[in-house]
Amino acid sequence: MAYADVRGARLYYERHGSGDPLLLITGWTISAAVFEPLIPLYAEHFDVIMYDHRGSARSHGQSPTTPGGLAADAAGLLHALRVPPAHAYGLSMGGMVAQELALRHPARVNGLVLGGTSAGGPFAPRLGLRDMWAIASGTVASRGIRAPVLFSPQFRHEHPERVRELLRHFTAHRSSAATIAAQTGASAMFSSVARLGRLRAPTLVMHGELDRLVPLAASRLLASRIPDAELAVVRGAGHAYALEQPRESLDLLLGWLARRLSRPAQERKPDVALDR
């Protein structure tokens, strides 16, 4: 177990593999254990850094009430680990944090990947507060609410054992009630629509075609407003597309990196978002 002292908090983090640094930013109240099934694939290509938000799971410290505060932690962690500019990959609420990281700490971000997330406002998650609390507290696993929210119907039908295995990663290292409340408020109040045009990092926006938690329209908006952005839709996948279709999702990421980040910065130009 490794910890870094960042802005008065102790952040739990893990580091795997080698290559360009890839910072994985987890979602609402969920620990970085959710990424564990992906590490064998991603560590072949990247120096993968994943961590728990302050006040969440294995990290310590009072939870910030804004994604901007969580982004400052992400920047502080990269600084503490002496990591050069990284690809920041945020999923769900982690995508909100990644947006703030790229907006507020652009020198830390080499490329931006926004997965299953939104700019807030009308595209905030569709789940009601009661279900949100149930998901965060882990009480939904036995009631069958969590799986339909996270995974596509076909995946649940064809791979029930795999679904149960993946859900254990979502419920590992649960957060406190105070953290759940703080991150719920941070997500509900988040809005980046008016600032998306300021993003300068090359950006890939990814979304599961059958996402029931965050509408696909949220990613279409992000891709249309962010300069130099592409949209990749993972066909047939739900909110947790990266777990449901890990190889396909990684291939989309690697393909985008090969196309976009191999070009000199002065040659990168905004273009129309692509569905892939």
C-alpha atoms as a PDB file:
ATOM      1  CA  MET A   1       0.000   0.000   0.000  1.00  0.00           C
ATOM      2  CA  ALA A   2       1.334   3.434  -0.961  1.00  0.00           C
ATOM      3  CA  TYR A   3       0.264   6.865   0.241  1.00  0.00           C
ATOM      4  CA  ALA A   4       1.152  10.394  -0.833  1.00  0.00           C
ATOM      5  CA  ASP A   5       0.689  13.534   1.256  1.00  0.00           C
ATOM      6  CA  VAL A   6      -1.263  15.985  -0.891  1.00  0.00           C
ATOM      7  CA  ARG A   7      -2.786  19.271   0.275  1.00  0.00           C
ATOM      8  CA  GLY A   8      -3.274  18.131   3.857  1.00  0.00           C
ATOM      9  CA  ALA A   9      -4.639  14.714   2.886  1.00  0.00           C
ATOM     10  CA  ARG A  10      -3.130  11.247   2.588  1.00  0.00           C
ATOM     11  CA  LEU A  11      -4.079   9.784  -0.769  1.00  0.00           C
ATOM     12  CA  TYR A  12      -3.930   6.067  -1.382  1.00  0.00           C
ATOM     13  CA  TYR A  13      -2.487   5.302  -4.812  1.00  0.00           C
ATOM     14  CA  GLU A  14      -1.158   2.451  -6.920  1.00  0.00           C
ATOM     15  CA  ARG A  15       1.186   2.461  -9.871  1.00  0.00           C
ATOM     16  CA  HIS A  16       1.469  -0.278 -12.496  1.00  0.00           C
ATOM     17  CA  GLY A  17       3.266  -0.831 -15.793  1.00  0.00           C
ATOM     18  CA  SER A  18       5.484   1.459 -17.832  1.00  0.00           C
ATOM     19  CA  GLY A  19       5.179   3.915 -20.678  1.00  0.00           C
ATOM     20  CA  ASP A  20       3.419   7.266 -20.913  1.00  0.00           C
ATOM     21  CA  PRO A  21       1.767   8.138 -17.595  1.00  0.00           C
ATOM     22  CA  LEU A  22      -1.995   7.524 -17.493  1.00  0.00           C
ATOM     23  CA  LEU A  23      -3.875   8.910 -14.500  1.00  0.00           C
ATOM     24  CA  LEU A  24      -7.118   7.013 -13.912  1.00  0.00           C
ATOM     25  CA  ILE A  25      -9.659   9.113 -11.994  1.00  0.00           C
ATOM     26  CA  THR A  26     -12.431   7.122 -10.403  1.00  0.00           C
ATOM     27  CA  GLY A  27     -16.063   8.105 -10.090  1.00  0.00           C
ATOM     28  CA  TRP A  28     -18.537   9.067  -7.439  1.00  0.00           C
ATOM     29  CA  THR A  29     -17.682   7.560  -4.007  1.00  0.00           C
ATOM     30  CA  ILE A  30     -16.021   4.519  -5.633  1.00  0.00           C
ATOM     31  CA  SER A  31     -12.463   3.442  -4.873  1.00  0.00           C
ATOM     32  CA  ALA A  32      -9.749   2.871  -7.449  1.00  0.00           C
ATOM     33  CA  ALA A  33     -10.309  -0.864  -6.948  1.00  0.00           C
ATOM     34  CA  VAL A  34     -12.866  -0.524  -9.739  1.00  0.00           C
ATOM     35  CA  PHE A  35      -9.920  -0.305 -12.169  1.00  0.00           C
ATOM     36  CA  GLU A  36      -8.262  -3.528 -11.020  1.00  0.00           C
ATOM     37  CA  PRO A  37      -9.746  -5.699 -13.804  1.00  0.00           C
ATOM     38  CA  LEU A  38      -8.247  -3.299 -16.375  1.00  0.00           C
ATOM     39  CA  ILE A  39      -4.693  -3.158 -15.056  1.00  0.00           C
ATOM     40  CA  PRO A  40      -3.326  -6.256 -16.869  1.00  0.00           C
ATOM     41  CA  LEU A  41      -4.367  -4.684 -20.193  1.00  0.00           C
ATOM     42  CA  TYR A  42      -3.494  -1.058 -19.564  1.00  0.00           C
ATOM     43  CA  ALA A  43      -0.160  -1.695 -17.819  1.00  0.00           C
ATOM     44  CA  GLU A  44       1.165  -3.171 -21.065  1.00  0.00           C
ATOM     45  CA  HIS A  45       0.965   0.283 -22.616  1.00  0.00           C
ATOM     46  CA  PHE A  46       1.064   2.860 -19.829  1.00  0.00           C
ATOM     47  CA  ASP A  47       2.526   3.843 -16.495  1.00  0.00           C
ATOM     48  CA  VAL A  48      -0.887   3.565 -14.828  1.00  0.00           C
ATOM     49  CA  ILE A  49      -1.537   5.681 -11.739  1.00  0.00           C
ATOM     50  CA  MET A  50      -4.821   5.208  -9.882  1.00  0.00           C
ATOM     51  CA  TYR A  51      -5.892   6.583  -6.534  1.00  0.00           C
ATOM     52  CA  ASP A  52      -8.769   7.090  -4.112  1.00  0.00           C
ATOM     53  CA  HIS A  53     -10.166  10.612  -3.737  1.00  0.00           C
ATOM     54  CA  ARG A  54      -9.529  12.246  -0.380  1.00  0.00           C
ATOM     55  CA  GLY A  55     -12.048  11.103   2.202  1.00  0.00           C
ATOM     56  CA  SER A  56     -12.990   8.133   0.014  1.00  0.00           C
ATOM     57  CA  ALA A  57     -12.216   4.489   0.604  1.00  0.00           C
ATOM     58  CA  ARG A  58      -8.544   4.127   1.621  1.00  0.00           C
ATOM     59  CA  SER A  59      -7.600   7.822   1.455  1.00  0.00           C
ATOM     60  CA  HIS A  60      -7.789  10.211   4.371  1.00  0.00           C
ATOM     61  CA  GLY A  61      -8.743  13.864   4.710  1.00  0.00           C
ATOM     62  CA  GLN A  62     -11.874  15.937   4.545  1.00  0.00           C
ATOM     63  CA  SER A  63     -13.567  15.520   1.176  1.00  0.00           C
ATOM     64  CA  PRO A  64     -13.676  18.685  -0.974  1.00  0.00           C
ATOM     65  CA  THR A  65     -17.113  19.809  -2.010  1.00  0.00           C
ATOM     66  CA  THR A  66     -16.212  20.671  -5.607  1.00  0.00           C
ATOM     67  CA  PRO A  67     -14.651  18.793  -8.539  1.00  0.00           C
ATOM     68  CA  GLY A  68     -12.166  21.665  -8.652  1.00  0.00           C
ATOM     69  CA  GLY A  69     -10.902  20.700  -5.205  1.00  0.00           C
ATOM     70  CA  LEU A  70     -10.583  17.079  -6.272  1.00  0.00           C
ATOM     71  CA  ALA A  71      -8.728  18.228  -9.406  1.00  0.00           C
ATOM     72  CA  ALA A  72      -6.248  20.097  -7.210  1.00  0.00           C
ATOM     73  CA  ASP A  73      -5.627  16.805  -5.423  1.00  0.00           C
ATOM     74  CA  ALA A  74      -5.016  15.052  -8.744  1.00  0.00           C
ATOM     75  CA  ALA A  75      -2.519  17.728  -9.747  1.00  0.00           C
ATOM     76  CA  GLY A  76      -0.895  17.501  -6.328  1.00  0.00           C
ATOM     77  CA  LEU A  77      -0.552  13.742  -6.600  1.00  0.00           C
ATOM     78  CA  LEU A  78       1.170  14.012  -9.992  1.00  0.00           C
ATOM     79  CA  HIS A  79       3.500  16.621  -8.516  1.00  0.00           C
ATOM     80  CA  ALA A  80       4.253  14.511  -5.437  1.00  0.00           C
ATOM     81  CA  LEU A  81       5.077  11.495  -7.609  1.00  0.00           C
ATOM     82  CA  ARG A  82       7.163  13.660  -9.986  1.00  0.00           C
ATOM     83  CA  VAL A  83       5.090  12.500 -12.930  1.00  0.00           C
ATOM     84  CA  PRO A  84       5.531  14.400 -16.220  1.00  0.00           C
ATOM     85  CA  PRO A  85       2.391  15.655 -18.015  1.00  0.00           C
ATOM     86  CA  ALA A  86       0.005  12.709 -18.033  1.00  0.00           C
ATOM     87  CA  HIS A  87      -2.974  11.464 -19.969  1.00  0.00           C
ATOM     88  CA  ALA A  88      -5.862  12.100 -17.569  1.00  0.00           C
ATOM     89  CA  TYR A  89      -8.690   9.562 -17.924  1.00  0.00           C
ATOM     90  CA  GLY A  90     -11.736  10.319 -15.808  1.00  0.00           C
ATOM     91  CA  LEU A  91     -14.801   8.094 -15.647  1.00  0.00           C
ATOM     92  CA  SER A  92     -18.272   9.277 -14.583  1.00  0.00           C
ATOM     93  CA  MET A  93     -17.728  11.852 -11.795  1.00  0.00           C
ATOM     94  CA  GLY A  94     -14.025  11.331 -12.424  1.00  0.00           C
ATOM     95  CA  GLY A  95     -14.627  12.868 -15.847  1.00  0.00           C
ATOM     96  CA  MET A  96     -15.804  16.037 -14.132  1.00  0.00           C
ATOM     97  CA  VAL A  97     -12.616  16.050 -12.079  1.00  0.00           C
ATOM     98  CA  ALA A  98     -10.566  15.464 -15.243  1.00  0.00           C
ATOM     99  CA  GLN A  99     -12.222  18.460 -16.921  1.00  0.00           C
ATOM    100  CA  GLU A 100     -11.288  20.650 -13.969  1.00  0.00           C
ATOM    101  CA  LEU A 101      -7.761  19.249 -13.946  1.00  0.00           C
ATOM    102  CA  ALA A 102      -7.276  20.176 -17.601  1.00  0.00           C
ATOM    103  CA  LEU A 103      -8.863  23.615 -17.115  1.00  0.00           C
ATOM    104  CA  ARG A 104      -7.105  24.591 -13.892  1.00  0.00           C
ATOM    105  CA  HIS A 105      -3.806  22.721 -14.227  1.00  0.00           C
ATOM    106  CA  PRO A 106      -3.201  22.446 -17.977  1.00  0.00           C
ATOM    107  CA  ALA A 107       0.544  21.885 -17.611  1.00  0.00           C
ATOM    108  CA  ARG A 108      -0.218  18.577 -15.898  1.00  0.00           C
ATOM    109  CA  VAL A 109      -2.323  17.188 -18.769  1.00  0.00           C
ATOM    110  CA  ASN A 110      -0.892  15.803 -21.997  1.00  0.00           C
ATOM    111  CA  GLY A 111      -4.152  14.276 -23.212  1.00  0.00           C
ATOM    112  CA  LEU A 112      -7.679  14.200 -21.810  1.00  0.00           C
ATOM    113  CA  VAL A 113     -10.074  11.234 -21.865  1.00  0.00           C
ATOM    114  CA  LEU A 114     -13.626  11.805 -20.615  1.00  0.00           C
ATOM    115  CA  GLY A 115     -15.549   8.578 -20.103  1.00  0.00           C
ATOM    116  CA  GLY A 116     -19.283   8.307 -19.448  1.00  0.00           C
ATOM    117  CA  THR A 117     -19.411  11.805 -18.014  1.00  0.00           C
ATOM    118  CA  SER A 118     -20.997  15.184 -18.622  1.00  0.00           C
ATOM    119  CA  ALA A 119     -20.632  18.932 -18.334  1.00  0.00           C
ATOM    120  CA  GLY A 120     -23.240  18.879 -15.565  1.00  0.00           C
ATOM    121  CA  GLY A 121     -26.498  20.815 -15.621  1.00  0.00           C
ATOM    122  CA  PRO A 122     -29.296  19.025 -17.494  1.00  0.00           C
ATOM    123  CA  PHE A 123     -26.913  16.171 -18.349  1.00  0.00           C
ATOM    124  CA  ALA A 124     -26.188  15.238 -14.751  1.00  0.00           C
ATOM    125  CA  PRO A 125     -26.763  11.548 -13.875  1.00  0.00           C
ATOM    126  CA  ARG A 126     -30.397  10.502 -14.205  1.00  0.00           C
ATOM    127  CA  LEU A 127     -30.492   8.452 -11.004  1.00  0.00           C
ATOM    128  CA  GLY A 128     -32.627   9.654  -8.090  1.00  0.00           C
ATOM    129  CA  LEU A 129     -31.057  10.417  -4.733  1.00  0.00           C
ATOM    130  CA  ARG A 130     -32.452   7.256  -3.142  1.00  0.00           C
ATOM    131  CA  ASP A 131     -30.844   5.033  -5.754  1.00  0.00           C
ATOM    132  CA  MET A 132     -27.624   7.070  -5.651  1.00  0.00           C
ATOM    133  CA  TRP A 133     -27.378   6.502  -1.917  1.00  0.00           C
ATOM    134  CA  ALA A 134     -28.092   2.800  -2.359  1.00  0.00           C
ATOM    135  CA  ILE A 135     -25.357   2.462  -4.969  1.00  0.00           C
ATOM    136  CA  ALA A 136     -22.783   4.264  -2.865  1.00  0.00           C
ATOM    137  CA  SER A 137     -23.616   2.356   0.323  1.00  0.00           C
ATOM    138  CA  GLY A 138     -23.462  -1.000  -1.421  1.00  0.00           C
ATOM    139  CA  THR A 139     -26.956  -2.054  -0.345  1.00  0.00           C
ATOM    140  CA  VAL A 140     -28.138  -2.506  -3.912  1.00  0.00           C
ATOM    141  CA  ALA A 141     -26.051  -5.545  -4.767  1.00  0.00           C
ATOM    142  CA  SER A 142     -28.621  -7.948  -3.359  1.00  0.00           C
ATOM    143  CA  ARG A 143     -31.571  -6.028  -4.823  1.00  0.00           C
ATOM    144  CA  GLY A 144     -30.281  -6.063  -8.388  1.00  0.00           C
ATOM    145  CA  ILE A 145     -30.362  -2.281  -8.896  1.00  0.00           C
ATOM    146  CA  ARG A 146     -26.676  -1.683  -9.429  1.00  0.00           C
ATOM    147  CA  ALA A 147     -26.132  -4.035 -12.371  1.00  0.00           C
ATOM    148  CA  PRO A 148     -28.879  -2.557 -14.611  1.00  0.00           C
ATOM    149  CA  VAL A 149     -27.528   0.923 -13.944  1.00  0.00           C
ATOM    150  CA  LEU A 150     -23.950  -0.026 -14.793  1.00  0.00           C
ATOM    151  CA  PHE A 151     -24.116  -2.709 -17.484  1.00  0.00           C
ATOM    152  CA  SER A 152     -26.057  -3.326 -20.672  1.00  0.00           C
ATOM    153  CA  PRO A 153     -28.932  -5.848 -20.688  1.00  0.00           C
ATOM    154  CA  GLN A 154     -27.096  -8.191 -23.065  1.00  0.00           C
ATOM    155  CA  PHE A 155     -23.955  -8.243 -20.932  1.00  0.00           C
ATOM    156  CA  ARG A 156     -25.975  -8.972 -17.799  1.00  0.00           C
ATOM    157  CA  HIS A 157     -27.848 -11.776 -19.551  1.00  0.00           C
ATOM    158  CA  GLU A 158     -24.828 -13.425 -21.181  1.00  0.00           C
ATOM    159  CA  HIS A 159     -22.265 -12.946 -18.403  1.00  0.00           C
ATOM    160  CA  PRO A 160     -24.021 -13.051 -15.000  1.00  0.00           C
ATOM    161  CA  GLU A 161     -20.986 -14.448 -13.179  1.00  0.00           C
ATOM    162  CA  ARG A 162     -18.758 -11.771 -14.665  1.00  0.00           C
ATOM    163  CA  VAL A 163     -21.227  -9.095 -13.585  1.00  0.00           C
ATOM    164  CA  ARG A 164     -21.162 -10.385 -10.008  1.00  0.00           C
ATOM    165  CA  GLU A 165     -17.379 -10.415 -10.046  1.00  0.00           C
ATOM    166  CA  LEU A 166     -17.157  -6.849 -11.363  1.00  0.00           C
ATOM    167  CA  LEU A 167     -19.681  -5.567  -8.831  1.00  0.00           C
ATOM    168  CA  ARG A 168     -17.363  -6.634  -6.032  1.00  0.00           C
ATOM    169  CA  HIS A 169     -14.867  -4.067  -7.255  1.00  0.00           C
ATOM    170  CA  PHE A 170     -17.513  -1.350  -7.053  1.00  0.00           C
ATOM    171  CA  THR A 171     -18.326  -2.181  -3.438  1.00  0.00           C
ATOM    172  CA  ALA A 172     -14.732  -2.601  -2.228  1.00  0.00           C
ATOM    173  CA  HIS A 173     -13.461  -0.043   0.308  1.00  0.00           C
ATOM    174  CA  ARG A 174     -16.722   1.835   0.743  1.00  0.00           C
ATOM    175  CA  SER A 175     -16.853   5.520   1.543  1.00  0.00           C
ATOM    176  CA  SER A 176     -18.362   7.172   4.609  1.00  0.00           C
ATOM    177  CA  ALA A 177     -21.769   8.836   4.720  1.00  0.00           C
ATOM    178  CA  ALA A 178     -20.063  12.234   4.921  1.00  0.00           C
ATOM    179  CA  THR A 179     -18.096  11.537   1.743  1.00  0.00           C
ATOM    180  CA  ILE A 180     -21.196  10.309  -0.052  1.00  0.00           C
ATOM    181  CA  ALA A 181     -22.981  13.541   0.853  1.00  0.00           C
ATOM    182  CA  ALA A 182     -20.012  15.739  -0.140  1.00  0.00           C
ATOM    183  CA  GLN A 183     -19.482  14.084  -3.516  1.00  0.00           C
ATOM    184  CA  THR A 184     -23.215  14.033  -4.239  1.00  0.00           C
ATOM    185  CA  GLY A 185     -23.326  17.785  -3.731  1.00  0.00           C
ATOM    186  CA  ALA A 186     -20.164  18.311  -5.778  1.00  0.00           C
ATOM    187  CA  SER A 187     -21.593  16.351  -8.707  1.00  0.00           C
ATOM    188  CA  ALA A 188     -24.994  18.038  -8.530  1.00  0.00           C
ATOM    189  CA  MET A 189     -23.521  21.554  -8.567  1.00  0.00           C
ATOM    190  CA  PHE A 190     -20.937  20.930 -11.276  1.00  0.00           C
ATOM    191  CA  SER A 191     -21.182  22.804 -14.560  1.00  0.00           C
ATOM    192  CA  SER A 192     -18.488  23.271 -17.188  1.00  0.00           C
ATOM    193  CA  VAL A 193     -20.536  24.093 -20.308  1.00  0.00           C
ATOM    194  CA  ALA A 194     -19.431  27.729 -20.462  1.00  0.00           C
ATOM    195  CA  ARG A 195     -15.768  26.770 -20.028  1.00  0.00           C
ATOM    196  CA  LEU A 196     -15.399  23.830 -22.412  1.00  0.00           C
ATOM    197  CA  GLY A 197     -14.041  26.044 -25.179  1.00  0.00           C
ATOM    198  CA  ARG A 198     -11.053  26.852 -22.980  1.00  0.00           C
ATOM    199  CA  LEU A 199      -9.804  23.266 -22.941  1.00  0.00           C
ATOM    200  CA  ARG A 200      -6.577  22.956 -24.913  1.00  0.00           C
ATOM    201  CA  ALA A 201      -5.580  19.348 -24.308  1.00  0.00           C
ATOM    202  CA  PRO A 202      -6.346  16.892 -27.121  1.00  0.00           C
ATOM    203  CA  THR A 203      -9.514  15.185 -25.925  1.00  0.00           C
ATOM    204  CA  LEU A 204     -11.194  11.836 -26.456  1.00  0.00           C
ATOM    205  CA  VAL A 205     -14.793  11.584 -25.257  1.00  0.00           C
ATOM    206  CA  MET A 206     -15.964   7.985 -24.739  1.00  0.00           C
ATOM    207  CA  HIS A 207     -19.433   6.754 -23.886  1.00  0.00           C
ATOM    208  CA  GLY A 208     -21.355   3.501 -23.706  1.00  0.00           C
ATOM    209  CA  GLU A 209     -24.118   3.443 -26.300  1.00  0.00           C
ATOM    210  CA  LEU A 210     -26.645   2.029 -23.792  1.00  0.00           C
ATOM    211  CA  ASP A 211     -25.632   4.094 -20.768  1.00  0.00           C
ATOM    212  CA  ARG A 212     -28.636   4.414 -18.427  1.00  0.00           C
ATOM    213  CA  LEU A 213     -26.920   6.635 -15.876  1.00  0.00           C
ATOM    214  CA  VAL A 214     -25.541   9.451 -18.052  1.00  0.00           C
ATOM    215  CA  PRO A 215     -27.229  10.029 -21.427  1.00  0.00           C
ATOM    216  CA  LEU A 216     -25.123   9.708 -24.570  1.00  0.00           C
ATOM    217  CA  ALA A 217     -26.234  13.235 -25.438  1.00  0.00           C
ATOM    218  CA  ALA A 218     -23.981  14.459 -22.615  1.00  0.00           C
ATOM    219  CA  SER A 219     -20.884  13.201 -24.415  1.00  0.00           C
ATOM    220  CA  ARG A 220     -22.093  14.529 -27.747  1.00  0.00           C
ATOM    221  CA  LEU A 221     -22.272  17.959 -26.134  1.00  0.00           C
ATOM    222  CA  LEU A 222     -18.785  17.631 -24.679  1.00  0.00           C
ATOM    223  CA  ALA A 223     -17.294  16.578 -27.996  1.00  0.00           C
ATOM    224  CA  SER A 224     -19.036  19.382 -29.868  1.00  0.00           C
ATOM    225  CA  ARG A 225     -17.873  22.097 -27.450  1.00  0.00           C
ATOM    226  CA  ILE A 226     -14.287  20.996 -26.728  1.00  0.00           C
ATOM    227  CA  PRO A 227     -11.731  22.054 -29.339  1.00  0.00           C
ATOM    228  CA  ASP A 228      -9.749  19.185 -30.871  1.00  0.00           C
ATOM    229  CA  ALA A 229     -12.109  16.518 -29.494  1.00  0.00           C
ATOM    230  CA  GLU A 230     -13.301  13.185 -30.854  1.00  0.00           C
ATOM    231  CA  LEU A 231     -16.281  11.140 -29.721  1.00  0.00           C
ATOM    232  CA  ALA A 232     -15.985   7.355 -29.503  1.00  0.00           C
ATOM    233  CA  VAL A 233     -19.192   5.427 -28.781  1.00  0.00           C
ATOM    234  CA  VAL A 234     -18.709   1.920 -27.406  1.00  0.00           C
ATOM    235  CA  ARG A 235     -21.504   0.063 -29.148  1.00  0.00           C
ATOM    236  CA  GLY A 236     -23.794  -2.107 -27.066  1.00  0.00           C
ATOM    237  CA  ALA A 237     -22.154  -1.152 -23.761  1.00  0.00           C
ATOM    238  CA  GLY A 238     -23.570   0.465 -20.648  1.00  0.00           C
ATOM    239  CA  HIS A 239     -22.192   3.050 -18.222  1.00  0.00           C
ATOM    240  CA  ALA A 240     -19.284   0.825 -17.163  1.00  0.00           C
ATOM    241  CA  TYR A 241     -18.226   0.348 -20.782  1.00  0.00           C
ATOM    242  CA  ALA A 242     -14.531   0.041 -19.930  1.00  0.00           C
ATOM    243  CA  LEU A 243     -15.248  -3.026 -17.795  1.00  0.00           C
ATOM    244  CA  GLU A 244     -17.908  -4.450 -20.059  1.00  0.00           C
ATOM    245  CA  GLN A 245     -15.788  -4.196 -23.214  1.00  0.00           C
ATOM    246  CA  PRO A 246     -12.224  -3.725 -21.944  1.00  0.00           C
ATOM    247  CA  ARG A 247     -10.310  -4.668 -25.094  1.00  0.00           C
ATOM    248  CA  GLU A 248     -12.540  -2.659 -27.415  1.00  0.00           C
ATOM    249  CA  SER A 249     -12.331   0.392 -25.137  1.00  0.00           C
ATOM    250  CA  LEU A 250      -8.550   0.176 -24.866  1.00  0.00           C
ATOM    251  CA  ASP A 251      -8.224  -0.176 -28.644  1.00  0.00           C
ATOM    252  CA  LEU A 252     -10.259   3.016 -29.097  1.00  0.00           C
ATOM    253  CA  LEU A 253      -7.951   4.814 -26.680  1.00  0.00           C
ATOM    254  CA  LEU A 254      -4.769   3.526 -28.305  1.00  0.00           C
ATOM    255  CA  GLY A 255      -6.061   4.348 -31.784  1.00  0.00           C
ATOM    256  CA  TRP A 256      -6.876   7.886 -30.737  1.00  0.00           C
ATOM    257  CA  LEU A 257      -3.455   8.348 -29.166  1.00  0.00           C
ATOM    258  CA  ALA A 258      -1.773   7.111 -32.320  1.00  0.00           C
ATOM    259  CA  ARG A 259      -3.767   9.559 -34.454  1.00  0.00           C
ATOM    260  CA  ARG A 260      -3.793  12.629 -32.263  1.00  0.00           C
ATOM    261  CA  LEU A 261      -0.815  12.809 -29.977  1.00  0.00           C
ATOM    262  CA  SER A 262       1.748  11.753 -32.557  1.00  0.00           C
ATOM    263  CA  ARG A 263       1.203  15.061 -34.377  1.00  0.00           C
ATOM    264  CA  PRO A 264       3.059  18.221 -33.321  1.00  0.00           C
ATOM    265  CA  ALA A 265       0.851  20.502 -31.227  1.00  0.00           C
ATOM    266  CA  GLN A 266       0.856  23.252 -33.865  1.00  0.00           C
ATOM    267  CA  GLU A 267      -0.665  20.829 -36.383  1.00  0.00           C
ATOM    268  CA  ARG A 268      -3.583  19.812 -34.182  1.00  0.00           C
ATOM    269  CA  LYS A 269      -6.800  21.465 -35.278  1.00  0.00           C
ATOM    270  CA  PRO A 270     -10.350  21.202 -33.973  1.00  0.00           C
ATOM    271  CA  ASP A 271     -12.515  18.902 -36.072  1.00  0.00           C
ATOM    272  CA  VAL A 272     -15.921  17.319 -36.072  1.00  0.00           C
ATOM    273  CA  ALA A 273     -16.379  14.668 -33.390  1.00  0.00           C
ATOM    274  CA  LEU A 274     -16.306  11.130 -34.700  1.00  0.00           C
ATOM    275  CA  ASP A 275     -18.557   8.266 -33.677  1.00  0.00           C
ATOM    276  CA  ARG A 276     -16.583   5.032 -33.676  1.00  0.00           C
END
